[in-house]
Amino acid sequence: MRILIALLIATLALTPSLAKDKAKRQAAPEFSKSEHVLKWINEYRQVPDPDRLPDAVRAMGNLGLFRELDNAGVYIGFMAGVLGSNPDQAERLVSRMFPMPPEDQVVLIRAIAYSGLPDWKDLLQKFVERMPARMVLLRKYLYGDGKTLAELPIDEGGAYVIDALWGYYFATGHREPITRIVGALAMSNDKNDVEKVTIGSMAKWTLATNASREKDLLDILSGEMNTQPAEVRRPLREVIEAAETFETGKIKKDALAAIEELKTKGSQRSRDYVWWGQAGQTALALGCVGAAAGGLVALGIPCVVGGAVSGAALKYFAPEQ
């Protein structure tokens, strides 16, 4: 009898918890479309739910969001940010992502390396046997020159690195990735290199677009005005003004003028450089992810949400024919 009473008490005690977990599962967002994934990423910091990451990653793979790695920076950065900000859960979260197709495992390897976890190599080592098809890449990160997100230079990685930094910020709200993107603004003033001007302009446009709808980010940018060198403060001041006045279109206009000047007055390389097709495949993740929640038509951003967004985004930046 005592045993039955004890079991009854235990059952009653578990009932509210089970009901709560069931309600949480029912309230969790579905990931049947890429828009659902992007909306969840965009709103993640309001109600962080790392337990949903494995489901989201599986959906990203099924929806083909990892098909073009150059376009997957925002997703990789977001995965890295969730893992990095939940060190006690990182191994469990990664384990739940398996089984994972070999082609998608590249994304997971990068996410672990980009996580910022002090023991990220130990974490990666635990899953080596589950990824036999990726041994070359695994060796590169475990024993070779595979770079972490903090080590990836924006001037070389371009749009991919900017997207990955945005993804990390979306997951964590940390200041560091924003500081790095702000530092890239100096390239928007370059007078000799069209590609650098383009990368700097991407950084400028994404900062202004997201800061126009997020006060916390705008506050970070305002604080950076006190620490950045002169070559960054000028474009940063323009970013802040554009965000506060919702006039981000001016950034596009100024960028096109600077690039056109380089093409017409600069070197032969600059004149031959078809910048909107060659400057790196960018998702311009910030505008697209924000648009997923706010509505593309209202923002006027011609993004293909969740797919090959780079083509449409680059057309937005490209001069009209």
C-alpha atoms as a PDB file:
ATOM      1  CA  MET A   1       0.000   0.000   0.000  1.00  0.00           C
ATOM      2  CA  ARG A   2       2.777   2.412   0.891  1.00  0.00           C
ATOM      3  CA  ILE A   3       4.416   1.687  -2.429  1.00  0.00           C
ATOM      4  CA  LEU A   4       1.179   2.396  -4.294  1.00  0.00           C
ATOM      5  CA  ILE A   5       0.703   5.656  -2.417  1.00  0.00           C
ATOM      6  CA  ALA A   6       4.279   6.677  -3.191  1.00  0.00           C
ATOM      7  CA  LEU A   7       3.792   5.910  -6.877  1.00  0.00           C
ATOM      8  CA  LEU A   8       0.529   7.866  -6.915  1.00  0.00           C
ATOM      9  CA  ILE A   9       2.205  10.868  -5.318  1.00  0.00           C
ATOM     10  CA  ALA A  10       5.084  10.682  -7.799  1.00  0.00           C
ATOM     11  CA  THR A  11       2.658  10.471 -10.714  1.00  0.00           C
ATOM     12  CA  LEU A  12       0.695  13.469  -9.497  1.00  0.00           C
ATOM     13  CA  ALA A  13       3.918  15.407  -9.016  1.00  0.00           C
ATOM     14  CA  LEU A  14       5.027  14.646 -12.574  1.00  0.00           C
ATOM     15  CA  THR A  15       1.686  15.501 -14.177  1.00  0.00           C
ATOM     16  CA  PRO A  16       2.113  19.317 -14.169  1.00  0.00           C
ATOM     17  CA  SER A  17       5.650  18.952 -15.507  1.00  0.00           C
ATOM     18  CA  LEU A  18       4.547  16.607 -18.275  1.00  0.00           C
ATOM     19  CA  ALA A  19       1.656  18.883 -19.150  1.00  0.00           C
ATOM     20  CA  LYS A  20       4.014  21.829 -19.258  1.00  0.00           C
ATOM     21  CA  ASP A  21       6.418  19.966 -21.564  1.00  0.00           C
ATOM     22  CA  LYS A  22       3.532  18.932 -23.815  1.00  0.00           C
ATOM     23  CA  ALA A  23       2.258  22.493 -23.996  1.00  0.00           C
ATOM     24  CA  LYS A  24       5.771  23.692 -24.807  1.00  0.00           C
ATOM     25  CA  ARG A  25       6.070  21.169 -27.639  1.00  0.00           C
ATOM     26  CA  GLN A  26       2.691  22.171 -29.014  1.00  0.00           C
ATOM     27  CA  ALA A  27       3.643  25.851 -28.875  1.00  0.00           C
ATOM     28  CA  ALA A  28       7.019  25.269 -30.542  1.00  0.00           C
ATOM     29  CA  PRO A  29       7.256  26.602 -34.090  1.00  0.00           C
ATOM     30  CA  GLU A  30       7.103  24.265 -37.043  1.00  0.00           C
ATOM     31  CA  PHE A  31       9.993  24.247 -39.492  1.00  0.00           C
ATOM     32  CA  SER A  32       8.218  23.046 -42.620  1.00  0.00           C
ATOM     33  CA  LYS A  33       9.274  26.119 -44.616  1.00  0.00           C
ATOM     34  CA  SER A  34      12.441  28.171 -44.785  1.00  0.00           C
ATOM     35  CA  GLU A  35      10.454  31.207 -43.652  1.00  0.00           C
ATOM     36  CA  HIS A  36       9.667  29.392 -40.388  1.00  0.00           C
ATOM     37  CA  VAL A  37      13.366  28.750 -39.771  1.00  0.00           C
ATOM     38  CA  LEU A  38      14.320  32.362 -40.460  1.00  0.00           C
ATOM     39  CA  LYS A  39      11.527  33.719 -38.298  1.00  0.00           C
ATOM     40  CA  TRP A  40      12.663  31.507 -35.420  1.00  0.00           C
ATOM     41  CA  ILE A  41      16.248  32.704 -35.856  1.00  0.00           C
ATOM     42  CA  ASN A  42      15.104  36.316 -35.969  1.00  0.00           C
ATOM     43  CA  GLU A  43      13.079  35.971 -32.761  1.00  0.00           C
ATOM     44  CA  TYR A  44      15.361  33.540 -30.940  1.00  0.00           C
ATOM     45  CA  ARG A  45      16.845  35.974 -28.430  1.00  0.00           C
ATOM     46  CA  GLN A  46      13.392  36.976 -27.199  1.00  0.00           C
ATOM     47  CA  VAL A  47      12.759  33.441 -25.929  1.00  0.00           C
ATOM     48  CA  PRO A  48      15.947  31.346 -26.241  1.00  0.00           C
ATOM     49  CA  ASP A  49      15.165  27.667 -26.727  1.00  0.00           C
ATOM     50  CA  PRO A  50      18.364  25.736 -27.514  1.00  0.00           C
ATOM     51  CA  ASP A  51      16.490  22.430 -27.356  1.00  0.00           C
ATOM     52  CA  ARG A  52      14.879  23.345 -30.677  1.00  0.00           C
ATOM     53  CA  LEU A  53      18.230  23.679 -32.448  1.00  0.00           C
ATOM     54  CA  PRO A  54      18.525  20.016 -33.574  1.00  0.00           C
ATOM     55  CA  ASP A  55      15.036  20.171 -35.114  1.00  0.00           C
ATOM     56  CA  ALA A  56      15.873  23.459 -36.802  1.00  0.00           C
ATOM     57  CA  VAL A  57      19.186  22.133 -38.155  1.00  0.00           C
ATOM     58  CA  ARG A  58      17.468  19.030 -39.511  1.00  0.00           C
ATOM     59  CA  ALA A  59      14.899  21.257 -41.212  1.00  0.00           C
ATOM     60  CA  MET A  60      17.630  23.487 -42.646  1.00  0.00           C
ATOM     61  CA  GLY A  61      19.197  20.439 -44.255  1.00  0.00           C
ATOM     62  CA  ASN A  62      15.893  19.074 -45.576  1.00  0.00           C
ATOM     63  CA  LEU A  63      15.021  22.475 -47.032  1.00  0.00           C
ATOM     64  CA  GLY A  64      18.340  22.688 -48.836  1.00  0.00           C
ATOM     65  CA  LEU A  65      19.619  25.680 -46.884  1.00  0.00           C
ATOM     66  CA  PHE A  66      23.093  24.109 -46.649  1.00  0.00           C
ATOM     67  CA  ARG A  67      23.316  23.302 -50.353  1.00  0.00           C
ATOM     68  CA  GLU A  68      25.482  26.334 -51.146  1.00  0.00           C
ATOM     69  CA  LEU A  69      27.952  26.807 -48.306  1.00  0.00           C
ATOM     70  CA  ASP A  70      28.769  30.368 -49.369  1.00  0.00           C
ATOM     71  CA  ASN A  71      25.111  31.204 -48.726  1.00  0.00           C
ATOM     72  CA  ALA A  72      24.892  29.287 -45.440  1.00  0.00           C
ATOM     73  CA  GLY A  73      26.977  31.620 -43.287  1.00  0.00           C
ATOM     74  CA  VAL A  74      24.054  32.934 -41.276  1.00  0.00           C
ATOM     75  CA  TYR A  75      22.877  29.406 -40.407  1.00  0.00           C
ATOM     76  CA  ILE A  76      26.366  28.193 -39.482  1.00  0.00           C
ATOM     77  CA  GLY A  77      26.963  31.271 -37.352  1.00  0.00           C
ATOM     78  CA  PHE A  78      23.625  30.840 -35.621  1.00  0.00           C
ATOM     79  CA  MET A  79      24.315  27.173 -34.837  1.00  0.00           C
ATOM     80  CA  ALA A  80      27.733  28.173 -33.498  1.00  0.00           C
ATOM     81  CA  GLY A  81      26.214  30.876 -31.327  1.00  0.00           C
ATOM     82  CA  VAL A  82      23.658  28.547 -29.748  1.00  0.00           C
ATOM     83  CA  LEU A  83      26.324  25.929 -29.016  1.00  0.00           C
ATOM     84  CA  GLY A  84      28.770  28.507 -27.693  1.00  0.00           C
ATOM     85  CA  SER A  85      26.265  30.102 -25.357  1.00  0.00           C
ATOM     86  CA  ASN A  86      25.121  26.731 -23.983  1.00  0.00           C
ATOM     87  CA  PRO A  87      28.372  24.911 -23.141  1.00  0.00           C
ATOM     88  CA  ASP A  88      26.697  22.497 -20.719  1.00  0.00           C
ATOM     89  CA  GLN A  89      24.257  21.371 -23.403  1.00  0.00           C
ATOM     90  CA  ALA A  90      26.499  21.514 -26.471  1.00  0.00           C
ATOM     91  CA  GLU A  91      27.375  17.796 -26.620  1.00  0.00           C
ATOM     92  CA  ARG A  92      23.765  16.739 -26.138  1.00  0.00           C
ATOM     93  CA  LEU A  93      22.540  19.169 -28.804  1.00  0.00           C
ATOM     94  CA  VAL A  94      25.101  17.990 -31.344  1.00  0.00           C
ATOM     95  CA  SER A  95      24.317  14.341 -30.588  1.00  0.00           C
ATOM     96  CA  ARG A  96      20.639  14.948 -31.308  1.00  0.00           C
ATOM     97  CA  MET A  97      21.480  16.300 -34.776  1.00  0.00           C
ATOM     98  CA  PHE A  98      22.498  12.809 -35.897  1.00  0.00           C
ATOM     99  CA  PRO A  99      21.953  10.980 -38.124  1.00  0.00           C
ATOM    100  CA  MET A 100      23.033  13.748 -40.517  1.00  0.00           C
ATOM    101  CA  PRO A 101      23.751  13.400 -44.244  1.00  0.00           C
ATOM    102  CA  PRO A 102      27.508  13.557 -44.997  1.00  0.00           C
ATOM    103  CA  GLU A 103      27.052  16.665 -47.146  1.00  0.00           C
ATOM    104  CA  ASP A 104      25.481  18.543 -44.219  1.00  0.00           C
ATOM    105  CA  GLN A 105      28.182  17.469 -41.769  1.00  0.00           C
ATOM    106  CA  VAL A 106      30.467  20.177 -43.167  1.00  0.00           C
ATOM    107  CA  VAL A 107      28.128  22.752 -41.660  1.00  0.00           C
ATOM    108  CA  LEU A 108      28.167  21.040 -38.266  1.00  0.00           C
ATOM    109  CA  ILE A 109      31.967  20.821 -38.207  1.00  0.00           C
ATOM    110  CA  ARG A 110      32.245  24.528 -38.950  1.00  0.00           C
ATOM    111  CA  ALA A 111      29.593  25.395 -36.379  1.00  0.00           C
ATOM    112  CA  ILE A 112      31.476  23.555 -33.642  1.00  0.00           C
ATOM    113  CA  ALA A 113      34.742  25.227 -34.652  1.00  0.00           C
ATOM    114  CA  TYR A 114      33.051  28.644 -34.775  1.00  0.00           C
ATOM    115  CA  SER A 115      31.285  28.167 -31.424  1.00  0.00           C
ATOM    116  CA  GLY A 116      33.937  29.897 -29.353  1.00  0.00           C
ATOM    117  CA  LEU A 117      33.877  27.048 -26.830  1.00  0.00           C
ATOM    118  CA  PRO A 118      37.331  26.712 -25.219  1.00  0.00           C
ATOM    119  CA  ASP A 119      37.144  22.927 -25.663  1.00  0.00           C
ATOM    120  CA  TRP A 120      35.599  22.923 -29.151  1.00  0.00           C
ATOM    121  CA  LYS A 121      38.235  20.481 -30.450  1.00  0.00           C
ATOM    122  CA  ASP A 122      37.382  18.021 -27.681  1.00  0.00           C
ATOM    123  CA  LEU A 123      33.711  18.339 -28.583  1.00  0.00           C
ATOM    124  CA  LEU A 124      34.449  17.780 -32.269  1.00  0.00           C
ATOM    125  CA  GLN A 125      36.622  14.770 -31.458  1.00  0.00           C
ATOM    126  CA  LYS A 126      33.683  13.054 -29.762  1.00  0.00           C
ATOM    127  CA  PHE A 127      31.780  12.914 -33.060  1.00  0.00           C
ATOM    128  CA  VAL A 128      34.583  11.904 -35.430  1.00  0.00           C
ATOM    129  CA  GLU A 129      33.346   8.307 -35.693  1.00  0.00           C
ATOM    130  CA  ARG A 130      29.904   9.525 -36.754  1.00  0.00           C
ATOM    131  CA  MET A 131      31.367  11.467 -39.689  1.00  0.00           C
ATOM    132  CA  PRO A 132      33.740   9.064 -41.498  1.00  0.00           C
ATOM    133  CA  ALA A 133      33.061  10.740 -44.855  1.00  0.00           C
ATOM    134  CA  ARG A 134      34.425  14.040 -43.545  1.00  0.00           C
ATOM    135  CA  MET A 135      37.808  12.847 -42.264  1.00  0.00           C
ATOM    136  CA  VAL A 136      39.833  15.268 -44.407  1.00  0.00           C
ATOM    137  CA  LEU A 137      37.911  18.252 -43.080  1.00  0.00           C
ATOM    138  CA  LEU A 138      37.957  16.896 -39.527  1.00  0.00           C
ATOM    139  CA  ARG A 139      41.738  16.539 -39.624  1.00  0.00           C
ATOM    140  CA  LYS A 140      42.029  20.084 -40.941  1.00  0.00           C
ATOM    141  CA  TYR A 141      40.155  21.486 -37.955  1.00  0.00           C
ATOM    142  CA  LEU A 142      41.568  19.127 -35.346  1.00  0.00           C
ATOM    143  CA  TYR A 143      45.204  19.079 -36.441  1.00  0.00           C
ATOM    144  CA  GLY A 144      45.610  21.535 -39.306  1.00  0.00           C
ATOM    145  CA  ASP A 145      44.905  25.140 -40.215  1.00  0.00           C
ATOM    146  CA  GLY A 146      41.110  25.156 -39.959  1.00  0.00           C
ATOM    147  CA  LYS A 147      40.120  28.593 -38.724  1.00  0.00           C
ATOM    148  CA  THR A 148      37.611  29.547 -36.054  1.00  0.00           C
ATOM    149  CA  LEU A 149      35.134  32.350 -36.680  1.00  0.00           C
ATOM    150  CA  ALA A 150      37.312  34.730 -34.673  1.00  0.00           C
ATOM    151  CA  GLU A 151      40.234  33.912 -36.977  1.00  0.00           C
ATOM    152  CA  LEU A 152      38.409  34.360 -40.287  1.00  0.00           C
ATOM    153  CA  PRO A 153      39.384  37.717 -41.842  1.00  0.00           C
ATOM    154  CA  ILE A 154      36.469  39.654 -43.283  1.00  0.00           C
ATOM    155  CA  ASP A 155      38.568  41.173 -46.068  1.00  0.00           C
ATOM    156  CA  GLU A 156      39.293  37.651 -47.362  1.00  0.00           C
ATOM    157  CA  GLY A 157      36.094  35.821 -46.460  1.00  0.00           C
ATOM    158  CA  GLY A 158      33.875  38.733 -47.374  1.00  0.00           C
ATOM    159  CA  ALA A 159      30.144  38.169 -47.336  1.00  0.00           C
ATOM    160  CA  TYR A 160      30.363  34.655 -45.874  1.00  0.00           C
ATOM    161  CA  VAL A 161      32.141  35.928 -42.764  1.00  0.00           C
ATOM    162  CA  ILE A 162      29.756  38.866 -42.387  1.00  0.00           C
ATOM    163  CA  ASP A 163      26.791  36.483 -42.603  1.00  0.00           C
ATOM    164  CA  ALA A 164      28.338  34.099 -40.059  1.00  0.00           C
ATOM    165  CA  LEU A 165      28.958  36.963 -37.638  1.00  0.00           C
ATOM    166  CA  TRP A 166      25.319  38.035 -37.984  1.00  0.00           C
ATOM    167  CA  GLY A 167      24.186  34.485 -37.308  1.00  0.00           C
ATOM    168  CA  TYR A 168      26.263  34.383 -34.129  1.00  0.00           C
ATOM    169  CA  TYR A 169      24.772  37.695 -33.038  1.00  0.00           C
ATOM    170  CA  PHE A 170      21.219  36.504 -33.710  1.00  0.00           C
ATOM    171  CA  ALA A 171      21.854  33.550 -31.390  1.00  0.00           C
ATOM    172  CA  THR A 172      23.616  35.407 -28.588  1.00  0.00           C
ATOM    173  CA  GLY A 173      23.244  39.181 -28.777  1.00  0.00           C
ATOM    174  CA  HIS A 174      26.980  39.414 -28.059  1.00  0.00           C
ATOM    175  CA  ARG A 175      28.789  42.619 -28.874  1.00  0.00           C
ATOM    176  CA  GLU A 176      31.907  40.984 -30.361  1.00  0.00           C
ATOM    177  CA  PRO A 177      30.489  39.956 -33.772  1.00  0.00           C
ATOM    178  CA  ILE A 178      28.978  43.427 -34.205  1.00  0.00           C
ATOM    179  CA  THR A 179      32.311  45.045 -33.352  1.00  0.00           C
ATOM    180  CA  ARG A 180      33.978  43.009 -36.088  1.00  0.00           C
ATOM    181  CA  ILE A 181      31.347  43.974 -38.657  1.00  0.00           C
ATOM    182  CA  VAL A 182      31.711  47.606 -37.608  1.00  0.00           C
ATOM    183  CA  GLY A 183      35.461  47.324 -38.185  1.00  0.00           C
ATOM    184  CA  ALA A 184      34.756  46.299 -41.796  1.00  0.00           C
ATOM    185  CA  LEU A 185      33.185  49.710 -42.413  1.00  0.00           C
ATOM    186  CA  ALA A 186      36.670  51.089 -43.006  1.00  0.00           C
ATOM    187  CA  MET A 187      36.710  49.189 -46.311  1.00  0.00           C
ATOM    188  CA  SER A 188      33.765  51.249 -47.564  1.00  0.00           C
ATOM    189  CA  ASN A 189      36.193  54.190 -47.810  1.00  0.00           C
ATOM    190  CA  ASP A 190      38.787  52.321 -49.891  1.00  0.00           C
ATOM    191  CA  LYS A 191      39.818  54.257 -52.986  1.00  0.00           C
ATOM    192  CA  ASN A 192      41.652  51.484 -54.811  1.00  0.00           C
ATOM    193  CA  ASP A 193      39.864  48.155 -54.414  1.00  0.00           C
ATOM    194  CA  VAL A 194      36.323  47.598 -55.677  1.00  0.00           C
ATOM    195  CA  GLU A 195      35.935  44.345 -53.769  1.00  0.00           C
ATOM    196  CA  LYS A 196      36.844  45.974 -50.464  1.00  0.00           C
ATOM    197  CA  VAL A 197      34.399  48.808 -51.111  1.00  0.00           C
ATOM    198  CA  THR A 198      31.702  46.235 -51.848  1.00  0.00           C
ATOM    199  CA  ILE A 199      32.381  44.270 -48.653  1.00  0.00           C
ATOM    200  CA  GLY A 200      32.404  47.485 -46.629  1.00  0.00           C
ATOM    201  CA  SER A 201      29.117  48.499 -48.231  1.00  0.00           C
ATOM    202  CA  MET A 202      27.551  45.146 -47.349  1.00  0.00           C
ATOM    203  CA  ALA A 203      28.612  45.639 -43.734  1.00  0.00           C
ATOM    204  CA  LYS A 204      27.225  49.169 -43.814  1.00  0.00           C
ATOM    205  CA  TRP A 205      23.863  48.211 -45.291  1.00  0.00           C
ATOM    206  CA  THR A 206      23.284  45.249 -42.980  1.00  0.00           C
ATOM    207  CA  LEU A 207      24.190  47.261 -39.873  1.00  0.00           C
ATOM    208  CA  ALA A 208      21.864  50.109 -40.813  1.00  0.00           C
ATOM    209  CA  THR A 209      18.969  47.845 -41.800  1.00  0.00           C
ATOM    210  CA  ASN A 210      18.934  45.825 -38.599  1.00  0.00           C
ATOM    211  CA  ALA A 211      19.722  48.749 -36.311  1.00  0.00           C
ATOM    212  CA  SER A 212      16.661  50.517 -37.713  1.00  0.00           C
ATOM    213  CA  ARG A 213      14.468  47.836 -36.119  1.00  0.00           C
ATOM    214  CA  GLU A 214      16.485  46.902 -33.029  1.00  0.00           C
ATOM    215  CA  LYS A 215      17.304  49.426 -30.322  1.00  0.00           C
ATOM    216  CA  ASP A 216      19.825  47.176 -28.556  1.00  0.00           C
ATOM    217  CA  LEU A 217      21.904  47.024 -31.719  1.00  0.00           C
ATOM    218  CA  LEU A 218      21.596  50.764 -32.246  1.00  0.00           C
ATOM    219  CA  ASP A 219      22.890  51.272 -28.703  1.00  0.00           C
ATOM    220  CA  ILE A 220      25.888  49.034 -29.442  1.00  0.00           C
ATOM    221  CA  LEU A 221      26.679  51.060 -32.558  1.00  0.00           C
ATOM    222  CA  SER A 222      26.417  54.317 -30.633  1.00  0.00           C
ATOM    223  CA  GLY A 223      28.860  52.955 -28.067  1.00  0.00           C
ATOM    224  CA  GLU A 224      31.303  51.974 -30.823  1.00  0.00           C
ATOM    225  CA  MET A 225      31.573  55.630 -31.811  1.00  0.00           C
ATOM    226  CA  ASN A 226      33.719  56.136 -28.700  1.00  0.00           C
ATOM    227  CA  THR A 227      36.191  53.351 -29.453  1.00  0.00           C
ATOM    228  CA  GLN A 228      36.624  53.037 -33.216  1.00  0.00           C
ATOM    229  CA  PRO A 229      39.359  54.777 -35.235  1.00  0.00           C
ATOM    230  CA  ALA A 230      38.570  57.772 -37.420  1.00  0.00           C
ATOM    231  CA  GLU A 231      38.316  55.753 -40.650  1.00  0.00           C
ATOM    232  CA  VAL A 232      35.483  53.747 -39.093  1.00  0.00           C
ATOM    233  CA  ARG A 233      33.682  56.521 -37.208  1.00  0.00           C
ATOM    234  CA  ARG A 234      32.644  58.400 -40.345  1.00  0.00           C
ATOM    235  CA  PRO A 235      30.774  55.516 -42.051  1.00  0.00           C
ATOM    236  CA  LEU A 236      29.519  54.376 -38.639  1.00  0.00           C
ATOM    237  CA  ARG A 237      27.989  57.794 -38.077  1.00  0.00           C
ATOM    238  CA  GLU A 238      26.228  57.423 -41.450  1.00  0.00           C
ATOM    239  CA  VAL A 239      24.956  53.978 -40.409  1.00  0.00           C
ATOM    240  CA  ILE A 240      23.520  55.321 -37.168  1.00  0.00           C
ATOM    241  CA  GLU A 241      21.871  58.253 -38.918  1.00  0.00           C
ATOM    242  CA  ALA A 242      20.365  55.971 -41.579  1.00  0.00           C
ATOM    243  CA  ALA A 243      19.038  53.620 -38.894  1.00  0.00           C
ATOM    244  CA  GLU A 244      17.526  56.431 -36.842  1.00  0.00           C
ATOM    245  CA  THR A 245      15.858  58.049 -39.873  1.00  0.00           C
ATOM    246  CA  PHE A 246      14.983  54.791 -41.691  1.00  0.00           C
ATOM    247  CA  GLU A 247      16.847  56.047 -44.773  1.00  0.00           C
ATOM    248  CA  THR A 248      18.935  52.979 -45.602  1.00  0.00           C
ATOM    249  CA  GLY A 249      18.414  53.574 -49.308  1.00  0.00           C
ATOM    250  CA  LYS A 250      20.954  56.371 -49.137  1.00  0.00           C
ATOM    251  CA  ILE A 251      23.615  53.811 -48.233  1.00  0.00           C
ATOM    252  CA  LYS A 252      22.941  51.917 -51.442  1.00  0.00           C
ATOM    253  CA  LYS A 253      23.101  55.125 -53.471  1.00  0.00           C
ATOM    254  CA  ASP A 254      26.405  56.215 -51.915  1.00  0.00           C
ATOM    255  CA  ALA A 255      27.909  52.740 -52.329  1.00  0.00           C
ATOM    256  CA  LEU A 256      26.993  52.615 -56.010  1.00  0.00           C
ATOM    257  CA  ALA A 257      28.519  56.043 -56.566  1.00  0.00           C
ATOM    258  CA  ALA A 258      31.797  55.051 -54.879  1.00  0.00           C
ATOM    259  CA  ILE A 259      32.020  51.784 -56.806  1.00  0.00           C
ATOM    260  CA  GLU A 260      31.183  53.428 -60.116  1.00  0.00           C
ATOM    261  CA  GLU A 261      33.895  56.009 -59.502  1.00  0.00           C
ATOM    262  CA  LEU A 262      36.459  53.281 -58.930  1.00  0.00           C
ATOM    263  CA  LYS A 263      35.327  51.439 -62.032  1.00  0.00           C
ATOM    264  CA  THR A 264      35.641  54.520 -64.238  1.00  0.00           C
ATOM    265  CA  LYS A 265      38.706  56.183 -62.722  1.00  0.00           C
ATOM    266  CA  GLY A 266      40.563  53.315 -61.125  1.00  0.00           C
ATOM    267  CA  SER A 267      42.784  50.537 -62.397  1.00  0.00           C
ATOM    268  CA  GLN A 268      41.959  48.213 -65.269  1.00  0.00           C
ATOM    269  CA  ARG A 269      41.130  45.567 -62.697  1.00  0.00           C
ATOM    270  CA  SER A 270      38.603  47.930 -61.151  1.00  0.00           C
ATOM    271  CA  ARG A 271      37.085  48.806 -64.524  1.00  0.00           C
ATOM    272  CA  ASP A 272      36.731  45.151 -65.451  1.00  0.00           C
ATOM    273  CA  TYR A 273      35.405  44.094 -62.086  1.00  0.00           C
ATOM    274  CA  VAL A 274      31.752  43.095 -62.252  1.00  0.00           C
ATOM    275  CA  TRP A 275      31.363  43.695 -58.543  1.00  0.00           C
ATOM    276  CA  TRP A 276      27.778  42.646 -58.030  1.00  0.00           C
ATOM    277  CA  GLY A 277      28.487  39.159 -59.362  1.00  0.00           C
ATOM    278  CA  GLN A 278      32.036  38.640 -58.149  1.00  0.00           C
ATOM    279  CA  ALA A 279      32.247  40.183 -54.682  1.00  0.00           C
ATOM    280  CA  GLY A 280      31.191  37.030 -52.900  1.00  0.00           C
ATOM    281  CA  GLN A 281      27.852  35.290 -52.568  1.00  0.00           C
ATOM    282  CA  THR A 282      26.183  37.176 -49.759  1.00  0.00           C
ATOM    283  CA  ALA A 283      22.868  36.451 -48.159  1.00  0.00           C
ATOM    284  CA  LEU A 284      22.846  39.953 -46.749  1.00  0.00           C
ATOM    285  CA  ALA A 285      21.459  37.897 -43.910  1.00  0.00           C
ATOM    286  CA  LEU A 286      20.372  40.748 -41.728  1.00  0.00           C
ATOM    287  CA  GLY A 287      17.919  42.253 -44.157  1.00  0.00           C
ATOM    288  CA  CYS A 288      16.541  38.892 -45.172  1.00  0.00           C
ATOM    289  CA  VAL A 289      16.138  37.487 -41.678  1.00  0.00           C
ATOM    290  CA  GLY A 290      14.549  40.677 -40.403  1.00  0.00           C
ATOM    291  CA  ALA A 291      12.275  40.709 -43.423  1.00  0.00           C
ATOM    292  CA  ALA A 292      11.067  37.207 -42.620  1.00  0.00           C
ATOM    293  CA  ALA A 293       9.368  38.566 -39.540  1.00  0.00           C
ATOM    294  CA  GLY A 294       8.480  42.046 -40.753  1.00  0.00           C
ATOM    295  CA  GLY A 295       7.245  41.298 -44.232  1.00  0.00           C
ATOM    296  CA  LEU A 296       9.271  41.588 -47.421  1.00  0.00           C
ATOM    297  CA  VAL A 297       6.911  43.904 -49.226  1.00  0.00           C
ATOM    298  CA  ALA A 298       6.805  46.411 -46.402  1.00  0.00           C
ATOM    299  CA  LEU A 299      10.605  46.548 -46.256  1.00  0.00           C
ATOM    300  CA  GLY A 300      11.066  46.626 -49.989  1.00  0.00           C
ATOM    301  CA  ILE A 301      13.878  44.060 -49.823  1.00  0.00           C
ATOM    302  CA  PRO A 302      13.836  41.620 -52.753  1.00  0.00           C
ATOM    303  CA  CYS A 303      15.209  38.687 -50.778  1.00  0.00           C
ATOM    304  CA  VAL A 304      14.435  35.092 -51.565  1.00  0.00           C
ATOM    305  CA  VAL A 305      13.912  34.139 -47.946  1.00  0.00           C
ATOM    306  CA  GLY A 306      15.755  31.035 -46.908  1.00  0.00           C
ATOM    307  CA  GLY A 307      16.958  29.927 -50.322  1.00  0.00           C
ATOM    308  CA  ALA A 308      19.552  31.287 -52.711  1.00  0.00           C
ATOM    309  CA  VAL A 309      19.111  34.728 -51.254  1.00  0.00           C
ATOM    310  CA  SER A 310      22.433  36.028 -52.516  1.00  0.00           C
ATOM    311  CA  GLY A 311      21.330  36.436 -56.105  1.00  0.00           C
ATOM    312  CA  ALA A 312      18.315  38.543 -55.266  1.00  0.00           C
ATOM    313  CA  ALA A 313      20.142  40.530 -52.626  1.00  0.00           C
ATOM    314  CA  LEU A 314      23.029  41.282 -54.952  1.00  0.00           C
ATOM    315  CA  LYS A 315      20.543  42.410 -57.600  1.00  0.00           C
ATOM    316  CA  TYR A 316      19.183  44.821 -54.985  1.00  0.00           C
ATOM    317  CA  PHE A 317      22.666  46.272 -54.611  1.00  0.00           C
ATOM    318  CA  ALA A 318      23.560  46.125 -58.304  1.00  0.00           C
ATOM    319  CA  PRO A 319      23.141  49.175 -60.561  1.00  0.00           C
ATOM    320  CA  GLU A 320      20.163  49.074 -62.860  1.00  0.00           C
ATOM    321  CA  GLN A 321      20.927  48.134 -66.439  1.00  0.00           C
END
